[in-house]
Amino acid sequence: MIIKTPDPAFDWWVQNIEGSKRESFVKTFLDLAGSGKVKVYDYFNEPLTPEQVKAMRSKTDTVRIIDEENSNSIRDTIVKDELNIQEVTKVRFLEEWYFDEKKLGFDKKVVGVMLMRENYGDSLELRGYSPLFWIYFDDAYPAKLK
């Protein structure tokens, strides 16, 4: 589910949660995941420690760059990537749906939530979304998926 539309031509309320509410929603799940109070899993349902979740919020990498003034010179540059909560613009839900034949209606139960962040290419085009982690609200998960 998109919580912030990538299309600036849309009205603010189309495929959006209003800015401050969206940021509060995302921050709540990031804080919860990093606190150790809930079990957190990666995309493949492998458990993550609070330290691993916190590491997702900040990554440091070394990149080799050719010197613009001297193309024979290559230097290492440290790049630090901080997670901006405004980049978390999608949420994936895992739901159980139930059909009530008597009422001819549906009920659903949300059993898991995954935050997803925007993923950009070298020319700053949106390439897609990267999953951060799953939080499940039902103790039967993720074992029930296997």
C-alpha atoms as a PDB file:
ATOM      1  CA  MET A   1       0.000   0.000   0.000  1.00  0.00           C
ATOM      2  CA  ILE A   2       1.405   3.381  -0.967  1.00  0.00           C
ATOM      3  CA  ILE A   3       1.362   5.855   1.919  1.00  0.00           C
ATOM      4  CA  LYS A   4       3.002   8.687  -0.051  1.00  0.00           C
ATOM      5  CA  THR A   5       2.362   8.879  -3.768  1.00  0.00           C
ATOM      6  CA  PRO A   6       5.404   9.284  -6.016  1.00  0.00           C
ATOM      7  CA  ASP A   7       3.299  11.347  -8.450  1.00  0.00           C
ATOM      8  CA  PRO A   8       3.367  15.065  -7.532  1.00  0.00           C
ATOM      9  CA  ALA A   9       0.429  15.682  -9.892  1.00  0.00           C
ATOM     10  CA  PHE A  10      -1.941  13.838  -7.549  1.00  0.00           C
ATOM     11  CA  ASP A  11      -3.891  15.768  -4.946  1.00  0.00           C
ATOM     12  CA  TRP A  12      -2.271  15.399  -1.506  1.00  0.00           C
ATOM     13  CA  TRP A  13      -4.968  13.017  -0.273  1.00  0.00           C
ATOM     14  CA  VAL A  14      -4.693  10.491  -3.147  1.00  0.00           C
ATOM     15  CA  GLN A  15      -2.621   7.459  -2.086  1.00  0.00           C
ATOM     16  CA  ASN A  16      -1.307   9.353   0.910  1.00  0.00           C
ATOM     17  CA  ILE A  17      -1.374   9.488   4.637  1.00  0.00           C
ATOM     18  CA  GLU A  18      -1.036  13.152   5.613  1.00  0.00           C
ATOM     19  CA  GLY A  19       2.646  14.025   6.207  1.00  0.00           C
ATOM     20  CA  SER A  20       2.884  14.339   9.994  1.00  0.00           C
ATOM     21  CA  LYS A  21       0.627  11.310  10.539  1.00  0.00           C
ATOM     22  CA  ARG A  22       2.675   9.244   8.062  1.00  0.00           C
ATOM     23  CA  GLU A  23       5.941  10.210   9.741  1.00  0.00           C
ATOM     24  CA  SER A  24       4.487   9.386  13.166  1.00  0.00           C
ATOM     25  CA  PHE A  25       3.254   6.010  11.844  1.00  0.00           C
ATOM     26  CA  VAL A  26       6.682   5.163  10.363  1.00  0.00           C
ATOM     27  CA  LYS A  27       8.592   6.423  13.418  1.00  0.00           C
ATOM     28  CA  THR A  28       6.408   4.309  15.715  1.00  0.00           C
ATOM     29  CA  PHE A  29       7.314   1.123  13.818  1.00  0.00           C
ATOM     30  CA  LEU A  30      11.013   2.049  13.519  1.00  0.00           C
ATOM     31  CA  ASP A  31      11.214   2.761  17.256  1.00  0.00           C
ATOM     32  CA  LEU A  32       9.278  -0.386  18.132  1.00  0.00           C
ATOM     33  CA  ALA A  33      11.525  -2.526  15.919  1.00  0.00           C
ATOM     34  CA  GLY A  34      14.703  -1.030  17.385  1.00  0.00           C
ATOM     35  CA  SER A  35      13.525  -1.301  20.989  1.00  0.00           C
ATOM     36  CA  GLY A  36      13.614  -5.086  21.272  1.00  0.00           C
ATOM     37  CA  LYS A  37      10.034  -5.102  22.605  1.00  0.00           C
ATOM     38  CA  VAL A  38       8.753  -6.955  19.536  1.00  0.00           C
ATOM     39  CA  LYS A  39      10.179  -9.684  17.340  1.00  0.00           C
ATOM     40  CA  VAL A  40      11.412  -8.329  14.020  1.00  0.00           C
ATOM     41  CA  TYR A  41      12.174 -10.287  10.849  1.00  0.00           C
ATOM     42  CA  ASP A  42      13.859  -9.550   7.545  1.00  0.00           C
ATOM     43  CA  TYR A  43      12.188 -10.056   4.163  1.00  0.00           C
ATOM     44  CA  PHE A  44      12.957 -13.800   4.293  1.00  0.00           C
ATOM     45  CA  ASN A  45      11.564 -14.119   7.839  1.00  0.00           C
ATOM     46  CA  GLU A  46      14.945 -14.487   9.506  1.00  0.00           C
ATOM     47  CA  PRO A  47      14.987 -12.891  12.981  1.00  0.00           C
ATOM     48  CA  LEU A  48      16.691  -9.496  13.353  1.00  0.00           C
ATOM     49  CA  THR A  49      18.269  -8.158  16.527  1.00  0.00           C
ATOM     50  CA  PRO A  50      17.582  -4.594  17.709  1.00  0.00           C
ATOM     51  CA  GLU A  51      21.185  -3.777  16.724  1.00  0.00           C
ATOM     52  CA  GLN A  52      20.566  -5.003  13.166  1.00  0.00           C
ATOM     53  CA  VAL A  53      17.399  -2.910  12.950  1.00  0.00           C
ATOM     54  CA  LYS A  54      19.234   0.167  14.245  1.00  0.00           C
ATOM     55  CA  ALA A  55      21.992  -0.449  11.680  1.00  0.00           C
ATOM     56  CA  MET A  56      19.372  -0.177   8.917  1.00  0.00           C
ATOM     57  CA  ARG A  57      18.849   3.449   9.885  1.00  0.00           C
ATOM     58  CA  SER A  58      22.465   4.379   9.149  1.00  0.00           C
ATOM     59  CA  LYS A  59      24.930   2.792   6.727  1.00  0.00           C
ATOM     60  CA  THR A  60      28.520   3.779   6.079  1.00  0.00           C
ATOM     61  CA  ASP A  61      30.290   2.707   2.901  1.00  0.00           C
ATOM     62  CA  THR A  62      33.572   3.470   1.153  1.00  0.00           C
ATOM     63  CA  VAL A  63      33.403   4.440  -2.511  1.00  0.00           C
ATOM     64  CA  ARG A  64      36.365   4.803  -4.879  1.00  0.00           C
ATOM     65  CA  ILE A  65      36.179   8.028  -6.875  1.00  0.00           C
ATOM     66  CA  ILE A  66      38.338   9.204  -9.771  1.00  0.00           C
ATOM     67  CA  ASP A  67      39.762  12.659  -9.114  1.00  0.00           C
ATOM     68  CA  GLU A  68      38.215  15.146 -11.570  1.00  0.00           C
ATOM     69  CA  GLU A  69      41.461  17.115 -11.878  1.00  0.00           C
ATOM     70  CA  ASN A  70      43.726  14.083 -12.266  1.00  0.00           C
ATOM     71  CA  SER A  71      42.084  11.043 -13.896  1.00  0.00           C
ATOM     72  CA  ASN A  72      45.041   8.874 -12.819  1.00  0.00           C
ATOM     73  CA  SER A  73      44.249   9.519  -9.188  1.00  0.00           C
ATOM     74  CA  ILE A  74      41.662   7.435  -7.377  1.00  0.00           C
ATOM     75  CA  ARG A  75      40.639   8.245  -3.838  1.00  0.00           C
ATOM     76  CA  ASP A  76      38.442   6.553  -1.286  1.00  0.00           C
ATOM     77  CA  THR A  77      35.470   8.543  -0.054  1.00  0.00           C
ATOM     78  CA  ILE A  78      33.339   7.610   2.929  1.00  0.00           C
ATOM     79  CA  VAL A  79      29.615   7.874   2.257  1.00  0.00           C
ATOM     80  CA  LYS A  80      27.130   7.826   5.119  1.00  0.00           C
ATOM     81  CA  ASP A  81      23.513   7.025   4.284  1.00  0.00           C
ATOM     82  CA  GLU A  82      20.988   7.956   6.965  1.00  0.00           C
ATOM     83  CA  LEU A  83      17.446   6.635   6.648  1.00  0.00           C
ATOM     84  CA  ASN A  84      15.111   9.545   6.099  1.00  0.00           C
ATOM     85  CA  ILE A  85      11.666   8.523   7.334  1.00  0.00           C
ATOM     86  CA  GLN A  86      10.181  10.469   4.421  1.00  0.00           C
ATOM     87  CA  GLU A  87      11.699   7.777   2.144  1.00  0.00           C
ATOM     88  CA  VAL A  88       9.452   5.154   3.753  1.00  0.00           C
ATOM     89  CA  THR A  89       6.531   5.562   1.397  1.00  0.00           C
ATOM     90  CA  LYS A  90       5.053   2.074   1.183  1.00  0.00           C
ATOM     91  CA  VAL A  91       3.730  -0.453   3.673  1.00  0.00           C
ATOM     92  CA  ARG A  92       3.078  -4.115   2.987  1.00  0.00           C
ATOM     93  CA  PHE A  93       0.422  -5.826   5.086  1.00  0.00           C
ATOM     94  CA  LEU A  94       0.013  -9.537   5.690  1.00  0.00           C
ATOM     95  CA  GLU A  95      -3.661 -10.191   6.295  1.00  0.00           C
ATOM     96  CA  GLU A  96      -5.959 -13.099   7.019  1.00  0.00           C
ATOM     97  CA  TRP A  97      -9.334 -12.714   5.314  1.00  0.00           C
ATOM     98  CA  TYR A  98     -12.520 -14.461   6.377  1.00  0.00           C
ATOM     99  CA  PHE A  99     -15.727 -14.760   4.387  1.00  0.00           C
ATOM    100  CA  ASP A 100     -18.995 -14.856   6.341  1.00  0.00           C
ATOM    101  CA  GLU A 101     -21.508 -16.733   4.189  1.00  0.00           C
ATOM    102  CA  LYS A 102     -24.455 -15.703   6.341  1.00  0.00           C
ATOM    103  CA  LYS A 103     -23.717 -11.967   6.223  1.00  0.00           C
ATOM    104  CA  LEU A 104     -22.182 -12.172   2.748  1.00  0.00           C
ATOM    105  CA  GLY A 105     -19.315 -10.066   3.995  1.00  0.00           C
ATOM    106  CA  PHE A 106     -15.617 -10.164   4.709  1.00  0.00           C
ATOM    107  CA  ASP A 107     -13.586  -9.670   7.846  1.00  0.00           C
ATOM    108  CA  LYS A 108      -9.854  -9.361   7.927  1.00  0.00           C
ATOM    109  CA  LYS A 109      -7.121  -9.463  10.515  1.00  0.00           C
ATOM    110  CA  VAL A 110      -3.782  -7.710   9.974  1.00  0.00           C
ATOM    111  CA  VAL A 111      -1.103 -10.147  11.154  1.00  0.00           C
ATOM    112  CA  GLY A 112       2.006  -8.349   9.926  1.00  0.00           C
ATOM    113  CA  VAL A 113       3.404  -5.055   8.686  1.00  0.00           C
ATOM    114  CA  MET A 114       6.498  -4.385   6.587  1.00  0.00           C
ATOM    115  CA  LEU A 115       7.893  -0.891   6.012  1.00  0.00           C
ATOM    116  CA  MET A 116       9.370  -0.234   2.570  1.00  0.00           C
ATOM    117  CA  ARG A 117      11.711   2.547   1.538  1.00  0.00           C
ATOM    118  CA  GLU A 118      12.219   4.166  -1.846  1.00  0.00           C
ATOM    119  CA  ASN A 119      15.182   2.846  -3.818  1.00  0.00           C
ATOM    120  CA  TYR A 120      16.845   5.232  -6.303  1.00  0.00           C
ATOM    121  CA  GLY A 121      19.286   4.552  -9.138  1.00  0.00           C
ATOM    122  CA  ASP A 122      22.458   6.461  -9.947  1.00  0.00           C
ATOM    123  CA  SER A 123      20.517   9.038 -11.993  1.00  0.00           C
ATOM    124  CA  LEU A 124      18.081   9.502  -9.092  1.00  0.00           C
ATOM    125  CA  GLU A 125      15.207   7.695 -10.817  1.00  0.00           C
ATOM    126  CA  LEU A 126      12.888   5.687  -8.582  1.00  0.00           C
ATOM    127  CA  ARG A 127      13.806   2.033  -9.194  1.00  0.00           C
ATOM    128  CA  GLY A 128      11.368   0.527  -6.729  1.00  0.00           C
ATOM    129  CA  TYR A 129      11.077  -0.145  -3.024  1.00  0.00           C
ATOM    130  CA  SER A 130      13.367  -1.950  -0.582  1.00  0.00           C
ATOM    131  CA  PRO A 131      11.842  -3.870   2.310  1.00  0.00           C
ATOM    132  CA  LEU A 132      13.071  -2.933   5.775  1.00  0.00           C
ATOM    133  CA  PHE A 133      11.545  -5.516   8.134  1.00  0.00           C
ATOM    134  CA  TRP A 134       8.432  -7.421   9.159  1.00  0.00           C
ATOM    135  CA  ILE A 135       6.678  -7.045  12.500  1.00  0.00           C
ATOM    136  CA  TYR A 136       4.023  -9.695  13.157  1.00  0.00           C
ATOM    137  CA  PHE A 137       1.079  -9.246  15.528  1.00  0.00           C
ATOM    138  CA  ASP A 138       0.196 -12.931  15.716  1.00  0.00           C
ATOM    139  CA  ASP A 139       2.510 -15.425  17.451  1.00  0.00           C
ATOM    140  CA  ALA A 140       1.737 -18.038  14.763  1.00  0.00           C
ATOM    141  CA  TYR A 141       3.810 -16.000  12.300  1.00  0.00           C
ATOM    142  CA  PRO A 142       6.221 -16.296  10.601  1.00  0.00           C
ATOM    143  CA  ALA A 143       6.162 -20.070  11.281  1.00  0.00           C
ATOM    144  CA  LYS A 144       2.707 -20.288   9.689  1.00  0.00           C
ATOM    145  CA  LEU A 145       4.230 -19.122   6.369  1.00  0.00           C
ATOM    146  CA  LYS A 146       6.736 -21.985   6.164  1.00  0.00           C
END
